[in-house]
Amino acid sequence: MDQFERSLNALLIETFRDILEVEALILQRSDPGLSINEVHLIESVRHGEEHSRTVSEIAADLRIAVPSATVAVNKLERKGYLRKERSSDDGRSVRITLTREGEKIYRLHWFIHLKLVKAAAEDMNDQEKEALLAGVQHLDAFFKNKMAKYGGMNELSNRRNRKGPSGSRTDKRNGIGDR
């Protein structure tokens, strides 16, 4: 790696960590009972069609396994932030929606993001803002291209479902193995 690559790598890692840490610190002051991952799940539900999603849609959006999303949804339902409703179109399908408390958390998180973005850009001129936006858009396209090339979550799921050393395959999505 040359100096530019080392510097960019360190900056990307540090910035990613800083964003998560700042979000978590601000959130902690507002509602210490939720993790940043739980808030991102609430955000995912709110961004779904008609402000609802299935557990599978949440898992795909957050790029986590369906069982992990199920556990998190159940926990947030018990805490009073989410509710499960049978789909009116398909009685077999369960839609996850926000409760009034979940909506409050979503709005708080949105406001936190708005304040952070405004504060980050307040000392920039228009040319710097445009350059930053173009650079981040370029990075986003690059990483989306890499995910598509390497299979994204599909590849992760495939790796989890390969036969292990014992020769049995456990389907991590539903806990059923072929013993």
N, C-alpha and C. Protein backbone atom coordinates (compact mmCIF):
# COMPACT_ATOMS: atom_id res chain seq x y z
N MET A 1 0.84 -1.18 0.00
CA MET A 1 0.00 0.00 0.00
C MET A 1 0.88 1.24 0.00
N ASP A 2 0.53 2.19 -0.85
CA ASP A 2 1.27 3.45 -0.81
C ASP A 2 0.69 4.36 0.28
N GLN A 3 1.28 5.51 0.46
CA GLN A 3 0.87 6.41 1.55
C GLN A 3 -0.59 6.83 1.43
N PHE A 4 -1.03 7.16 0.21
CA PHE A 4 -2.43 7.55 0.01
C PHE A 4 -3.37 6.42 0.43
N GLU A 5 -3.08 5.20 -0.01
CA GLU A 5 -3.94 4.06 0.32
C GLU A 5 -3.98 3.80 1.82
N ARG A 6 -2.82 3.89 2.48
CA ARG A 6 -2.78 3.70 3.94
C ARG A 6 -3.60 4.78 4.65
N SER A 7 -3.43 6.01 4.21
CA SER A 7 -4.16 7.13 4.83
C SER A 7 -5.66 7.00 4.60
N LEU A 8 -6.06 6.67 3.38
CA LEU A 8 -7.49 6.52 3.07
C LEU A 8 -8.08 5.36 3.85
N ASN A 9 -7.37 4.24 3.92
CA ASN A 9 -7.85 3.09 4.67
C ASN A 9 -8.06 3.45 6.14
N ALA A 10 -7.07 4.08 6.74
CA ALA A 10 -7.18 4.47 8.15
C ALA A 10 -8.32 5.46 8.36
N LEU A 11 -8.47 6.40 7.44
CA LEU A 11 -9.53 7.41 7.55
C LEU A 11 -10.92 6.78 7.42
N LEU A 12 -11.10 5.87 6.48
CA LEU A 12 -12.40 5.21 6.32
C LEU A 12 -12.77 4.42 7.57
N ILE A 13 -11.83 3.67 8.09
CA ILE A 13 -12.09 2.87 9.30
C ILE A 13 -12.42 3.78 10.47
N GLU A 14 -11.61 4.80 10.66
CA GLU A 14 -11.82 5.72 11.78
C GLU A 14 -13.14 6.47 11.66
N THR A 15 -13.47 6.92 10.45
CA THR A 15 -14.72 7.66 10.24
C THR A 15 -15.92 6.76 10.49
N PHE A 16 -15.88 5.54 10.00
CA PHE A 16 -16.98 4.60 10.23
C PHE A 16 -17.20 4.38 11.73
N ARG A 17 -16.13 4.14 12.44
CA ARG A 17 -16.22 3.94 13.89
C ARG A 17 -16.73 5.19 14.60
N ASP A 18 -16.23 6.34 14.19
CA ASP A 18 -16.65 7.60 14.81
C ASP A 18 -18.14 7.86 14.61
N ILE A 19 -18.63 7.61 13.41
CA ILE A 19 -20.06 7.81 13.13
C ILE A 19 -20.90 6.95 14.06
N LEU A 20 -20.56 5.67 14.15
CA LEU A 20 -21.32 4.77 15.03
C LEU A 20 -21.23 5.19 16.49
N GLU A 21 -20.04 5.61 16.91
CA GLU A 21 -19.85 6.00 18.30
C GLU A 21 -20.62 7.28 18.64
N VAL A 22 -20.58 8.27 17.75
CA VAL A 22 -21.31 9.51 17.99
C VAL A 22 -22.81 9.23 18.04
N GLU A 23 -23.30 8.43 17.09
CA GLU A 23 -24.72 8.05 17.10
C GLU A 23 -25.10 7.40 18.43
N ALA A 24 -24.28 6.46 18.85
CA ALA A 24 -24.56 5.72 20.09
C ALA A 24 -24.53 6.64 21.30
N LEU A 25 -23.57 7.55 21.36
CA LEU A 25 -23.47 8.47 22.50
C LEU A 25 -24.68 9.41 22.57
N ILE A 26 -25.07 9.96 21.43
CA ILE A 26 -26.23 10.86 21.41
C ILE A 26 -27.49 10.08 21.77
N LEU A 27 -27.62 8.89 21.21
CA LEU A 27 -28.79 8.06 21.50
C LEU A 27 -28.85 7.69 22.98
N GLN A 28 -27.71 7.35 23.54
CA GLN A 28 -27.64 6.94 24.94
C GLN A 28 -28.16 8.04 25.87
N ARG A 29 -27.88 9.27 25.53
CA ARG A 29 -28.38 10.39 26.33
C ARG A 29 -29.89 10.53 26.22
N SER A 30 -30.45 10.12 25.08
CA SER A 30 -31.88 10.27 24.84
C SER A 30 -32.68 9.07 25.32
N ASP A 31 -32.16 7.87 25.10
CA ASP A 31 -32.87 6.65 25.49
C ASP A 31 -31.85 5.54 25.73
N PRO A 32 -31.37 5.40 26.96
CA PRO A 32 -30.31 4.43 27.23
C PRO A 32 -30.74 2.96 27.09
N GLY A 33 -32.02 2.71 26.85
CA GLY A 33 -32.49 1.34 26.77
C GLY A 33 -32.36 0.69 25.40
N LEU A 34 -31.82 1.40 24.42
CA LEU A 34 -31.71 0.86 23.07
C LEU A 34 -30.28 0.94 22.57
N SER A 35 -29.87 -0.09 21.83
CA SER A 35 -28.56 -0.06 21.18
C SER A 35 -28.73 0.62 19.82
N ILE A 36 -27.62 1.02 19.23
CA ILE A 36 -27.68 1.65 17.91
C ILE A 36 -28.19 0.65 16.87
N ASN A 37 -27.88 -0.64 17.04
CA ASN A 37 -28.40 -1.65 16.11
C ASN A 37 -29.91 -1.76 16.21
N GLU A 38 -30.45 -1.65 17.42
CA GLU A 38 -31.91 -1.69 17.58
C GLU A 38 -32.55 -0.47 16.92
N VAL A 39 -31.92 0.68 17.05
CA VAL A 39 -32.45 1.88 16.41
C VAL A 39 -32.40 1.75 14.89
N HIS A 40 -31.35 1.15 14.36
CA HIS A 40 -31.27 0.95 12.92
C HIS A 40 -32.33 -0.03 12.44
N LEU A 41 -32.69 -0.99 13.26
CA LEU A 41 -33.79 -1.90 12.90
C LEU A 41 -35.11 -1.13 12.87
N ILE A 42 -35.34 -0.27 13.85
CA ILE A 42 -36.55 0.56 13.87
C ILE A 42 -36.59 1.43 12.61
N GLU A 43 -35.46 2.00 12.25
CA GLU A 43 -35.35 2.82 11.04
C GLU A 43 -35.68 1.99 9.80
N SER A 44 -35.20 0.77 9.74
CA SER A 44 -35.47 -0.11 8.61
C SER A 44 -36.97 -0.36 8.45
N VAL A 45 -37.64 -0.62 9.56
CA VAL A 45 -39.09 -0.85 9.51
C VAL A 45 -39.79 0.39 8.95
N ARG A 46 -39.41 1.54 9.44
CA ARG A 46 -40.06 2.80 9.03
C ARG A 46 -39.84 3.09 7.56
N HIS A 47 -38.71 2.66 7.00
CA HIS A 47 -38.42 2.92 5.60
C HIS A 47 -39.07 1.90 4.67
N GLY A 48 -39.73 0.90 5.22
CA GLY A 48 -40.39 -0.11 4.41
C GLY A 48 -41.65 0.42 3.74
N GLU A 49 -42.15 -0.38 2.81
CA GLU A 49 -43.38 -0.03 2.11
C GLU A 49 -44.51 0.15 3.12
N GLU A 50 -45.20 1.27 3.05
CA GLU A 50 -46.26 1.60 4.00
C GLU A 50 -45.77 1.54 5.45
N HIS A 51 -44.51 1.88 5.65
CA HIS A 51 -43.89 1.93 6.99
C HIS A 51 -43.96 0.58 7.71
N SER A 52 -43.80 -0.49 6.95
CA SER A 52 -43.78 -1.83 7.55
C SER A 52 -42.88 -2.73 6.71
N ARG A 53 -42.44 -3.81 7.34
CA ARG A 53 -41.62 -4.81 6.64
C ARG A 53 -41.84 -6.16 7.27
N THR A 54 -41.49 -7.21 6.53
CA THR A 54 -41.43 -8.55 7.10
C THR A 54 -40.06 -8.72 7.75
N VAL A 55 -39.91 -9.75 8.55
CA VAL A 55 -38.61 -10.01 9.17
C VAL A 55 -37.56 -10.26 8.08
N SER A 56 -37.92 -10.98 7.03
CA SER A 56 -36.97 -11.24 5.93
C SER A 56 -36.54 -9.95 5.25
N GLU A 57 -37.47 -9.02 5.06
CA GLU A 57 -37.13 -7.74 4.45
C GLU A 57 -36.19 -6.93 5.36
N ILE A 58 -36.45 -6.97 6.65
CA ILE A 58 -35.58 -6.29 7.61
C ILE A 58 -34.18 -6.88 7.56
N ALA A 59 -34.09 -8.21 7.57
CA ALA A 59 -32.79 -8.88 7.52
C ALA A 59 -32.02 -8.50 6.26
N ALA A 60 -32.71 -8.49 5.12
CA ALA A 60 -32.05 -8.13 3.86
C ALA A 60 -31.58 -6.68 3.90
N ASP A 61 -32.41 -5.79 4.41
CA ASP A 61 -32.05 -4.37 4.46
C ASP A 61 -30.85 -4.13 5.37
N LEU A 62 -30.82 -4.79 6.51
CA LEU A 62 -29.73 -4.60 7.47
C LEU A 62 -28.53 -5.51 7.20
N ARG A 63 -28.69 -6.41 6.22
CA ARG A 63 -27.64 -7.35 5.85
C ARG A 63 -27.24 -8.22 7.04
N ILE A 64 -28.28 -8.76 7.69
CA ILE A 64 -28.06 -9.69 8.79
C ILE A 64 -28.86 -10.96 8.49
N ALA A 65 -28.58 -12.02 9.22
CA ALA A 65 -29.29 -13.28 9.03
C ALA A 65 -30.73 -13.16 9.55
N VAL A 66 -31.64 -13.88 8.94
CA VAL A 66 -33.05 -13.84 9.34
C VAL A 66 -33.24 -14.21 10.81
N PRO A 67 -32.57 -15.25 11.33
CA PRO A 67 -32.75 -15.56 12.76
C PRO A 67 -32.32 -14.40 13.67
N SER A 68 -31.26 -13.70 13.30
CA SER A 68 -30.82 -12.55 14.10
C SER A 68 -31.87 -11.44 14.06
N ALA A 69 -32.46 -11.22 12.89
CA ALA A 69 -33.51 -10.21 12.77
C ALA A 69 -34.73 -10.61 13.59
N THR A 70 -35.06 -11.90 13.59
CA THR A 70 -36.21 -12.39 14.36
C THR A 70 -36.02 -12.13 15.84
N VAL A 71 -34.85 -12.45 16.35
CA VAL A 71 -34.56 -12.23 17.78
C VAL A 71 -34.68 -10.74 18.11
N ALA A 72 -34.10 -9.89 17.26
CA ALA A 72 -34.13 -8.45 17.51
C ALA A 72 -35.55 -7.90 17.44
N VAL A 73 -36.34 -8.36 16.47
CA VAL A 73 -37.73 -7.91 16.35
C VAL A 73 -38.52 -8.31 17.59
N ASN A 74 -38.35 -9.56 18.02
CA ASN A 74 -39.07 -10.02 19.22
C ASN A 74 -38.69 -9.19 20.45
N LYS A 75 -37.42 -8.86 20.57
CA LYS A 75 -36.96 -8.06 21.71
C LYS A 75 -37.57 -6.65 21.66
N LEU A 76 -37.58 -6.04 20.48
CA LEU A 76 -38.14 -4.70 20.35
C LEU A 76 -39.66 -4.70 20.50
N GLU A 77 -40.29 -5.81 20.15
CA GLU A 77 -41.74 -5.93 20.37
C GLU A 77 -42.01 -5.98 21.88
N ARG A 78 -41.22 -6.77 22.61
CA ARG A 78 -41.39 -6.84 24.07
C ARG A 78 -41.15 -5.48 24.73
N LYS A 79 -40.21 -4.70 24.18
CA LYS A 79 -39.92 -3.38 24.74
C LYS A 79 -40.98 -2.34 24.37
N GLY A 80 -41.87 -2.69 23.44
CA GLY A 80 -42.96 -1.78 23.07
C GLY A 80 -42.68 -0.86 21.90
N TYR A 81 -41.65 -1.16 21.09
CA TYR A 81 -41.31 -0.30 19.96
C TYR A 81 -41.87 -0.82 18.63
N LEU A 82 -42.14 -2.11 18.56
CA LEU A 82 -42.65 -2.73 17.34
C LEU A 82 -43.90 -3.54 17.64
N ARG A 83 -44.69 -3.76 16.60
CA ARG A 83 -45.82 -4.69 16.73
C ARG A 83 -45.88 -5.54 15.46
N LYS A 84 -46.40 -6.73 15.61
CA LYS A 84 -46.55 -7.66 14.49
C LYS A 84 -48.02 -7.68 14.10
N GLU A 85 -48.26 -7.63 12.79
CA GLU A 85 -49.62 -7.67 12.28
C GLU A 85 -49.68 -8.62 11.10
N ARG A 86 -50.72 -9.42 11.04
CA ARG A 86 -50.93 -10.28 9.88
C ARG A 86 -51.20 -9.41 8.66
N SER A 87 -50.62 -9.78 7.55
CA SER A 87 -50.82 -9.03 6.31
C SER A 87 -52.27 -9.19 5.85
N SER A 88 -52.87 -8.10 5.42
CA SER A 88 -54.24 -8.17 4.91
C SER A 88 -54.28 -8.87 3.56
N ASP A 89 -53.17 -8.83 2.82
CA ASP A 89 -53.10 -9.48 1.51
C ASP A 89 -52.84 -10.98 1.62
N ASP A 90 -52.04 -11.38 2.59
CA ASP A 90 -51.63 -12.77 2.75
C ASP A 90 -51.57 -13.08 4.24
N GLY A 91 -52.54 -13.82 4.73
CA GLY A 91 -52.64 -14.13 6.15
C GLY A 91 -51.45 -14.88 6.71
N ARG A 92 -50.64 -15.50 5.84
CA ARG A 92 -49.46 -16.23 6.32
C ARG A 92 -48.31 -15.27 6.62
N SER A 93 -48.35 -14.09 6.04
CA SER A 93 -47.27 -13.12 6.17
C SER A 93 -47.51 -12.20 7.36
N VAL A 94 -46.44 -11.96 8.12
CA VAL A 94 -46.52 -11.05 9.26
C VAL A 94 -45.72 -9.79 8.93
N ARG A 95 -46.38 -8.65 9.05
CA ARG A 95 -45.74 -7.35 8.83
C ARG A 95 -45.34 -6.76 10.17
N ILE A 96 -44.18 -6.16 10.23
CA ILE A 96 -43.69 -5.50 11.43
C ILE A 96 -43.91 -4.00 11.24
N THR A 97 -44.54 -3.36 12.22
CA THR A 97 -44.78 -1.92 12.17
C THR A 97 -44.29 -1.27 13.46
N LEU A 98 -44.17 0.04 13.43
CA LEU A 98 -43.74 0.78 14.62
C LEU A 98 -44.94 1.12 15.50
N THR A 99 -44.73 1.07 16.79
CA THR A 99 -45.71 1.59 17.74
C THR A 99 -45.47 3.10 17.84
N ARG A 100 -46.25 3.77 18.64
CA ARG A 100 -46.04 5.21 18.86
C ARG A 100 -44.64 5.45 19.42
N GLU A 101 -44.20 4.59 20.36
CA GLU A 101 -42.85 4.73 20.93
C GLU A 101 -41.78 4.47 19.88
N GLY A 102 -42.01 3.50 19.00
CA GLY A 102 -41.07 3.22 17.92
C GLY A 102 -40.95 4.40 16.97
N GLU A 103 -42.09 5.04 16.68
CA GLU A 103 -42.09 6.22 15.82
C GLU A 103 -41.31 7.36 16.46
N LYS A 104 -41.42 7.52 17.77
CA LYS A 104 -40.66 8.57 18.47
C LYS A 104 -39.16 8.32 18.33
N ILE A 105 -38.75 7.06 18.48
CA ILE A 105 -37.32 6.73 18.35
C ILE A 105 -36.86 6.98 16.92
N TYR A 106 -37.68 6.61 15.94
CA TYR A 106 -37.32 6.85 14.54
C TYR A 106 -37.09 8.34 14.30
N ARG A 107 -38.02 9.16 14.77
CA ARG A 107 -37.91 10.61 14.55
C ARG A 107 -36.68 11.20 15.28
N LEU A 108 -36.40 10.70 16.47
CA LEU A 108 -35.22 11.13 17.20
C LEU A 108 -33.96 10.79 16.41
N HIS A 109 -33.88 9.58 15.89
CA HIS A 109 -32.72 9.14 15.13
C HIS A 109 -32.56 9.97 13.85
N TRP A 110 -33.66 10.24 13.17
CA TRP A 110 -33.63 11.05 11.97
C TRP A 110 -33.10 12.45 12.30
N PHE A 111 -33.57 13.01 13.41
CA PHE A 111 -33.13 14.34 13.84
C PHE A 111 -31.64 14.34 14.18
N ILE A 112 -31.16 13.28 14.82
CA ILE A 112 -29.73 13.15 15.13
C ILE A 112 -28.92 13.20 13.84
N HIS A 113 -29.35 12.42 12.83
CA HIS A 113 -28.64 12.41 11.55
C HIS A 113 -28.65 13.80 10.91
N LEU A 114 -29.80 14.45 10.94
CA LEU A 114 -29.92 15.79 10.36
C LEU A 114 -28.94 16.76 11.02
N LYS A 115 -28.89 16.73 12.34
CA LYS A 115 -27.99 17.63 13.07
C LYS A 115 -26.52 17.30 12.76
N LEU A 116 -26.19 16.02 12.70
CA LEU A 116 -24.80 15.63 12.41
C LEU A 116 -24.37 16.08 11.03
N VAL A 117 -25.23 15.88 10.04
CA VAL A 117 -24.88 16.26 8.67
C VAL A 117 -24.74 17.78 8.56
N LYS A 118 -25.67 18.50 9.16
CA LYS A 118 -25.58 19.97 9.12
C LYS A 118 -24.29 20.45 9.80
N ALA A 119 -23.99 19.89 10.96
CA ALA A 119 -22.79 20.30 11.69
C ALA A 119 -21.52 19.95 10.92
N ALA A 120 -21.50 18.78 10.28
CA ALA A 120 -20.31 18.36 9.53
C ALA A 120 -20.05 19.28 8.34
N ALA A 121 -21.12 19.82 7.75
CA ALA A 121 -20.97 20.63 6.54
C ALA A 121 -20.96 22.13 6.80
N GLU A 122 -21.17 22.55 8.04
CA GLU A 122 -21.35 23.98 8.29
C GLU A 122 -20.13 24.84 7.95
N ASP A 123 -18.93 24.30 8.03
CA ASP A 123 -17.73 25.08 7.73
C ASP A 123 -17.24 24.88 6.30
N MET A 124 -18.03 24.19 5.48
CA MET A 124 -17.63 23.93 4.10
C MET A 124 -18.28 24.93 3.16
N ASN A 125 -17.53 25.31 2.12
CA ASN A 125 -18.15 26.13 1.07
C ASN A 125 -18.86 25.20 0.09
N ASP A 126 -19.58 25.76 -0.87
CA ASP A 126 -20.36 24.95 -1.80
C ASP A 126 -19.49 23.99 -2.61
N GLN A 127 -18.31 24.43 -3.00
CA GLN A 127 -17.41 23.58 -3.78
C GLN A 127 -16.95 22.38 -2.94
N GLU A 128 -16.63 22.60 -1.69
CA GLU A 128 -16.22 21.50 -0.80
C GLU A 128 -17.37 20.52 -0.57
N LYS A 129 -18.58 21.05 -0.40
CA LYS A 129 -19.75 20.19 -0.21
C LYS A 129 -19.98 19.31 -1.44
N GLU A 130 -19.88 19.91 -2.62
CA GLU A 130 -20.05 19.15 -3.86
C GLU A 130 -18.97 18.08 -4.01
N ALA A 131 -17.73 18.43 -3.68
CA ALA A 131 -16.63 17.47 -3.78
C ALA A 131 -16.82 16.31 -2.80
N LEU A 132 -17.24 16.64 -1.58
CA LEU A 132 -17.48 15.60 -0.58
C LEU A 132 -18.60 14.67 -1.04
N LEU A 133 -19.70 15.24 -1.50
CA LEU A 133 -20.82 14.44 -1.97
C LEU A 133 -20.41 13.54 -3.13
N ALA A 134 -19.68 14.09 -4.09
CA ALA A 134 -19.22 13.30 -5.24
C ALA A 134 -18.30 12.17 -4.79
N GLY A 135 -17.40 12.46 -3.86
CA GLY A 135 -16.48 11.43 -3.36
C GLY A 135 -17.21 10.31 -2.63
N VAL A 136 -18.16 10.67 -1.79
CA VAL A 136 -18.91 9.65 -1.04
C VAL A 136 -19.79 8.84 -1.99
N GLN A 137 -20.40 9.50 -2.99
CA GLN A 137 -21.19 8.77 -3.99
C GLN A 137 -20.31 7.78 -4.75
N HIS A 138 -19.10 8.19 -5.07
CA HIS A 138 -18.16 7.30 -5.76
C HIS A 138 -17.82 6.09 -4.87
N LEU A 139 -17.54 6.34 -3.59
CA LEU A 139 -17.25 5.25 -2.66
C LEU A 139 -18.44 4.30 -2.52
N ASP A 140 -19.64 4.86 -2.42
CA ASP A 140 -20.85 4.06 -2.29
C ASP A 140 -21.02 3.15 -3.51
N ALA A 141 -20.86 3.72 -4.70
CA ALA A 141 -20.98 2.92 -5.93
C ALA A 141 -19.91 1.83 -5.97
N PHE A 142 -18.70 2.17 -5.56
CA PHE A 142 -17.61 1.19 -5.53
C PHE A 142 -17.97 0.00 -4.64
N PHE A 143 -18.43 0.28 -3.40
CA PHE A 143 -18.72 -0.80 -2.47
C PHE A 143 -19.95 -1.60 -2.90
N LYS A 144 -20.94 -0.95 -3.48
CA LYS A 144 -22.11 -1.69 -3.99
C LYS A 144 -21.69 -2.60 -5.13
N ASN A 145 -20.80 -2.13 -5.99
CA ASN A 145 -20.28 -2.94 -7.08
C ASN A 145 -19.53 -4.16 -6.54
N LYS A 146 -18.71 -3.94 -5.51
CA LYS A 146 -17.97 -5.06 -4.90
C LYS A 146 -18.93 -6.07 -4.28
N MET A 147 -19.97 -5.57 -3.59
CA MET A 147 -20.94 -6.49 -2.98
C MET A 147 -21.63 -7.32 -4.06
N ALA A 148 -22.01 -6.68 -5.15
CA ALA A 148 -22.68 -7.40 -6.24
C ALA A 148 -21.73 -8.43 -6.84
N LYS A 149 -20.47 -8.05 -7.01
CA LYS A 149 -19.48 -8.96 -7.60
C LYS A 149 -19.25 -10.19 -6.72
N TYR A 150 -19.20 -9.98 -5.42
CA TYR A 150 -18.91 -11.08 -4.50
C TYR A 150 -20.15 -11.70 -3.89
N GLY A 151 -21.32 -11.27 -4.30
CA GLY A 151 -22.54 -11.93 -3.86
C GLY A 151 -23.20 -11.34 -2.64
N GLY A 152 -22.62 -10.35 -1.99
CA GLY A 152 -23.25 -9.71 -0.84
C GLY A 152 -23.72 -10.72 0.19
N MET A 153 -24.90 -10.52 0.70
CA MET A 153 -25.45 -11.39 1.74
C MET A 153 -25.71 -12.80 1.21
N ASN A 154 -25.96 -12.95 -0.09
CA ASN A 154 -26.19 -14.29 -0.62
C ASN A 154 -24.96 -15.17 -0.40
N GLU A 155 -23.78 -14.62 -0.64
CA GLU A 155 -22.55 -15.38 -0.43
C GLU A 155 -22.35 -15.69 1.04
N LEU A 156 -22.67 -14.74 1.91
CA LEU A 156 -22.56 -14.97 3.35
C LEU A 156 -23.47 -16.11 3.77
N SER A 157 -24.69 -16.11 3.29
CA SER A 157 -25.63 -17.19 3.62
C SER A 157 -25.12 -18.52 3.09
N ASN A 158 -24.57 -18.53 1.88
CA ASN A 158 -24.05 -19.77 1.31
C ASN A 158 -22.91 -20.32 2.15
N ARG A 159 -22.00 -19.45 2.61
CA ARG A 159 -20.89 -19.90 3.44
C ARG A 159 -21.39 -20.50 4.75
N ARG A 160 -22.42 -19.92 5.32
CA ARG A 160 -22.94 -20.41 6.60
C ARG A 160 -23.62 -21.76 6.44
N ASN A 161 -24.08 -22.07 5.25
CA ASN A 161 -24.84 -23.30 5.05
C ASN A 161 -24.02 -24.43 4.42
N ARG A 162 -22.73 -24.25 4.27
CA ARG A 162 -21.89 -25.33 3.74
C ARG A 162 -21.70 -26.40 4.79
N LYS A 163 -21.38 -27.60 4.34
CA LYS A 163 -21.16 -28.71 5.27
C LYS A 163 -19.96 -28.42 6.16
N GLY A 164 -20.14 -28.70 7.42
CA GLY A 164 -19.08 -28.48 8.40
C GLY A 164 -18.18 -29.69 8.51
N PRO A 165 -17.25 -29.68 9.46
CA PRO A 165 -16.28 -30.76 9.62
C PRO A 165 -16.95 -32.10 9.91
N SER A 166 -18.13 -32.08 10.55
CA SER A 166 -18.79 -33.34 10.89
C SER A 166 -19.52 -33.94 9.70
N GLY A 167 -19.63 -33.17 8.61
CA GLY A 167 -20.33 -33.67 7.44
C GLY A 167 -21.81 -33.31 7.43
N SER A 168 -22.34 -32.83 8.55
CA SER A 168 -23.75 -32.44 8.56
C SER A 168 -23.85 -30.97 8.19
N ARG A 169 -24.96 -30.63 7.58
CA ARG A 169 -25.19 -29.25 7.21
C ARG A 169 -26.33 -28.73 8.06
N THR A 170 -26.08 -27.65 8.76
CA THR A 170 -27.14 -27.02 9.54
C THR A 170 -27.58 -25.78 8.82
N ASP A 171 -28.86 -25.69 8.54
CA ASP A 171 -29.42 -24.50 7.92
C ASP A 171 -29.55 -23.45 9.01
N LYS A 172 -28.67 -22.47 9.01
CA LYS A 172 -28.64 -21.45 10.06
C LYS A 172 -29.88 -20.57 10.04
N ARG A 173 -30.59 -20.57 8.92
CA ARG A 173 -31.77 -19.71 8.85
C ARG A 173 -32.91 -20.25 9.68
N ASN A 174 -33.03 -21.58 9.81
CA ASN A 174 -34.15 -22.10 10.59
C ASN A 174 -33.75 -23.13 11.63
N GLY A 175 -32.45 -23.39 11.78
CA GLY A 175 -31.97 -24.28 12.83
C GLY A 175 -32.17 -25.75 12.54
N ILE A 176 -32.54 -26.11 11.33
CA ILE A 176 -32.79 -27.51 11.00
C ILE A 176 -31.56 -28.08 10.31
N GLY A 177 -31.08 -29.18 10.80
CA GLY A 177 -29.90 -29.81 10.20
C GLY A 177 -30.28 -31.09 9.47
N ASP A 178 -29.41 -31.57 8.59
CA ASP A 178 -29.67 -32.84 7.90
C ASP A 178 -28.81 -33.92 8.53
N ARG A 179 -29.16 -34.31 9.70
CA ARG A 179 -28.36 -35.24 10.49
C ARG A 179 -28.39 -36.63 9.96
